[in-house]
Amino acid sequence: MQDAELLALYQVRDESAIRETDAKYGRHLRQIAEELLANQQDAEEIVSDVLMQAWSRIPDEPPAHLFAYLAAVTRNLSMNRLDARNAKRRGGGKLPAVLDELSECVADSSSVEQAVSERLLDDALCRFLDSLTAEQRTTFVLRYYYAMPLPEIAARKQVSVSTVKVTLMRLRKKLRQYLELEGLL
């Protein structure tokens, strides 16, 4: 079923929209949630929550790209769950480790708030991603948005893990230089 057909089902409040969305995208959404949470049961719950949010929000504002919308909601809900799970013991889990790789490129949150608004940083990051090749952008997003493990990125891109590591190291360096030029570091 095409996205336009799915969105039409949501618009007319047809309950089969949820079932069809799960059939088309559920596996991918579970994979995103499971990568972030490392827990299959939590991933299942997140996907259920995503489908319910889609049911309640899509009729008002249909997204331009359905999977991108669902993936973003999945990621956000997963990160919220991860934050709640790790509230007492910060630093646990794999997302902090992945984000720590970017710490050399982005100042800590208190300096960012003092220097510029979060919106400026978001806009600069979007412009940076637009400046990358499709391959570089995919690698960056898989690692730093979806927190995908390096071996999985390598397998998906059919390259070695060391190639992925070098690519990410170069992209972090390029991001740091870009943010310095933008005056955000």
Protein backbone atom coordinates (compact mmCIF):
# COMPACT_ATOMS: atom_id res chain seq x y z
CA MET A 1 0.00 0.00 0.00
CA GLN A 2 1.34 3.42 -0.95
CA ASP A 3 1.75 6.25 1.57
CA ALA A 4 -0.97 8.31 -0.13
CA GLU A 5 -3.41 5.44 0.37
CA LEU A 6 -2.38 5.08 4.02
CA LEU A 7 -2.82 8.80 4.62
CA ALA A 8 -6.24 8.64 2.98
CA LEU A 9 -7.23 5.89 5.45
CA TYR A 10 -6.11 8.10 8.34
CA GLN A 11 -8.06 11.05 6.92
CA VAL A 12 -11.32 9.06 6.85
CA ARG A 13 -10.51 7.54 10.28
CA ASP A 14 -10.43 3.97 8.94
CA GLU A 15 -8.97 1.74 11.67
CA SER A 16 -7.26 -0.42 9.05
CA ALA A 17 -4.77 2.47 8.68
CA ILE A 18 -3.06 1.35 11.87
CA ARG A 19 -2.85 -2.28 10.76
CA GLU A 20 -1.62 -1.34 7.28
CA THR A 21 0.96 1.09 8.67
CA ASP A 22 2.25 -1.58 11.02
CA ALA A 23 2.44 -4.07 8.15
CA LYS A 24 4.39 -1.65 5.96
CA TYR A 25 6.65 0.11 8.47
CA GLY A 26 6.35 -1.73 11.78
CA ARG A 27 9.49 -3.83 11.36
CA HIS A 28 11.62 -0.77 10.57
CA LEU A 29 10.15 1.23 13.44
CA ARG A 30 10.79 -1.65 15.87
CA GLN A 31 14.37 -1.80 14.67
CA ILE A 32 14.88 1.92 15.35
CA ALA A 33 13.37 1.61 18.83
CA GLU A 34 15.29 -1.57 19.63
CA GLU A 35 18.60 -0.01 18.56
CA LEU A 36 18.06 2.85 20.98
CA LEU A 37 16.50 0.91 23.85
CA ALA A 38 18.16 -2.51 23.51
CA ASN A 39 14.90 -4.06 24.68
CA GLN A 40 12.43 -5.83 22.40
CA GLN A 41 9.44 -5.40 24.73
CA ASP A 42 10.06 -1.65 25.07
CA ALA A 43 10.44 -1.42 21.28
CA GLU A 44 7.04 -3.10 20.80
CA GLU A 45 5.43 -0.65 23.23
CA ILE A 46 7.05 2.31 21.50
CA VAL A 47 5.77 1.20 18.09
CA SER A 48 2.26 0.83 19.54
CA ASP A 49 2.54 4.36 20.93
CA VAL A 50 3.79 5.63 17.56
CA LEU A 51 0.82 4.08 15.77
CA MET A 52 -1.59 5.63 18.28
CA GLN A 53 0.05 9.03 17.84
CA ALA A 54 -0.24 8.65 14.08
CA TRP A 55 -3.93 7.82 14.52
CA SER A 56 -4.57 10.89 16.62
CA ARG A 57 -2.37 13.44 14.81
CA ILE A 58 -2.25 12.60 11.10
CA PRO A 59 -5.83 13.61 10.24
CA ASP A 60 -5.02 17.16 11.40
CA GLU A 61 -1.64 17.51 9.70
CA PRO A 62 -0.73 14.82 7.15
CA PRO A 63 3.08 14.54 6.89
CA ALA A 64 4.84 14.99 3.56
CA HIS A 65 6.88 11.81 4.13
CA LEU A 66 5.07 9.23 6.22
CA PHE A 67 8.03 7.01 7.10
CA ALA A 68 10.22 9.97 8.05
CA TYR A 69 7.44 11.23 10.32
CA LEU A 70 6.93 7.81 11.93
CA ALA A 71 10.69 7.29 12.34
CA ALA A 72 11.08 10.68 14.03
CA VAL A 73 8.22 9.94 16.44
CA THR A 74 9.74 6.51 17.15
CA ARG A 75 13.13 8.03 17.85
CA ASN A 76 11.70 10.75 20.09
CA LEU A 77 9.56 8.35 22.11
CA SER A 78 12.49 5.93 22.40
CA MET A 79 14.79 8.67 23.62
CA ASN A 80 12.18 9.78 26.15
CA ARG A 81 11.91 6.17 27.38
CA LEU A 82 15.70 5.91 27.54
CA ASP A 83 15.92 9.17 29.51
CA ALA A 84 13.31 7.91 31.95
CA ARG A 85 15.09 4.58 32.30
CA ASN A 86 18.46 6.20 32.91
CA ALA A 87 17.26 9.11 35.04
CA LYS A 88 18.90 7.72 38.16
CA ARG A 89 22.09 6.57 36.54
CA ARG A 90 23.17 8.90 33.75
CA GLY A 91 25.72 7.57 31.34
CA GLY A 92 24.21 4.09 31.05
CA GLY A 93 23.06 2.66 27.76
CA LYS A 94 24.45 3.14 24.29
CA LEU A 95 22.88 6.44 23.20
CA PRO A 96 25.05 8.52 25.54
CA ALA A 97 28.12 6.74 24.17
CA VAL A 98 27.09 7.47 20.59
CA LEU A 99 26.36 11.10 21.36
CA ASP A 100 29.64 11.38 23.24
CA GLU A 101 31.39 10.90 19.90
CA LEU A 102 29.90 14.26 18.84
CA SER A 103 30.92 16.05 22.04
CA GLU A 104 34.07 17.40 20.44
CA CYS A 105 31.97 19.08 17.74
CA VAL A 106 29.18 20.60 19.79
CA ALA A 107 29.66 22.63 22.94
CA ASP A 108 27.88 21.62 26.12
CA SER A 109 24.26 22.69 26.40
CA SER A 110 24.88 25.61 28.78
CA SER A 111 27.38 27.24 26.36
CA VAL A 112 25.10 26.65 23.39
CA GLU A 113 22.22 28.33 25.21
CA GLN A 114 24.44 31.29 26.07
CA ALA A 115 25.92 31.65 22.56
CA VAL A 116 22.93 30.92 20.30
CA SER A 117 19.44 29.57 20.39
CA GLU A 118 18.87 25.87 19.75
CA ARG A 119 17.16 26.82 16.53
CA LEU A 120 20.34 28.32 15.08
CA LEU A 121 22.22 25.14 15.89
CA ASP A 122 19.47 23.02 14.33
CA ASP A 123 19.52 25.14 11.18
CA ALA A 124 23.31 24.95 10.95
CA LEU A 125 23.20 21.17 11.33
CA CYS A 126 20.60 20.93 8.55
CA ARG A 127 22.75 23.08 6.27
CA PHE A 128 25.77 20.93 7.13
CA LEU A 129 23.86 17.75 6.26
CA ASP A 130 22.72 19.34 2.99
CA SER A 131 26.37 20.01 2.11
CA LEU A 132 27.27 16.31 2.38
CA THR A 133 27.03 13.70 -0.32
CA ALA A 134 24.11 11.30 -0.04
CA GLU A 135 26.48 8.54 1.16
CA GLN A 136 28.05 10.73 3.85
CA ARG A 137 24.66 12.02 4.99
CA THR A 138 23.28 8.48 5.25
CA THR A 139 26.25 7.31 7.32
CA PHE A 140 25.98 10.34 9.63
CA VAL A 141 22.23 9.97 10.11
CA LEU A 142 22.38 6.21 10.69
CA ARG A 143 24.96 6.69 13.42
CA TYR A 144 23.93 9.90 15.12
CA TYR A 145 20.17 9.96 14.56
CA TYR A 146 19.30 6.28 14.68
CA ALA A 147 22.28 5.26 16.91
CA MET A 148 22.98 2.32 14.63
CA PRO A 149 26.04 0.23 15.61
CA LEU A 150 29.10 0.56 13.37
CA PRO A 151 29.04 -3.08 12.18
CA GLU A 152 25.43 -2.70 11.10
CA ILE A 153 26.18 0.50 9.18
CA ALA A 154 29.12 -1.26 7.52
CA ALA A 155 26.95 -4.21 6.53
CA ARG A 156 24.21 -1.94 5.19
CA LYS A 157 26.68 0.11 3.16
CA GLN A 158 28.74 -2.96 2.19
CA VAL A 159 32.02 -1.52 3.48
CA SER A 160 34.37 -2.40 6.32
CA VAL A 161 33.82 -1.21 9.89
CA SER A 162 37.09 0.71 9.70
CA THR A 163 35.82 2.56 6.61
CA VAL A 164 32.74 3.60 8.57
CA LYS A 165 34.90 4.72 11.53
CA VAL A 166 37.15 6.82 9.29
CA THR A 167 34.17 8.33 7.48
CA LEU A 168 32.52 9.29 10.77
CA MET A 169 35.78 10.71 12.14
CA ARG A 170 36.16 12.88 9.03
CA LEU A 171 32.52 13.96 9.19
CA ARG A 172 32.89 14.97 12.86
CA LYS A 173 35.98 17.01 11.97
CA LYS A 174 34.13 18.59 9.04
CA LEU A 175 31.14 19.36 11.32
CA ARG A 176 33.40 20.99 13.88
CA GLN A 177 35.01 23.17 11.20
CA TYR A 178 31.58 24.03 9.79
CA LEU A 179 30.21 25.05 13.19
CA GLU A 180 33.34 27.13 13.85
CA LEU A 181 32.83 28.95 10.54
CA GLU A 182 29.20 29.53 11.47
CA GLY A 183 30.35 31.02 14.78
CA LEU A 184 28.57 28.39 16.83
CA LEU A 185 31.70 27.02 18.54
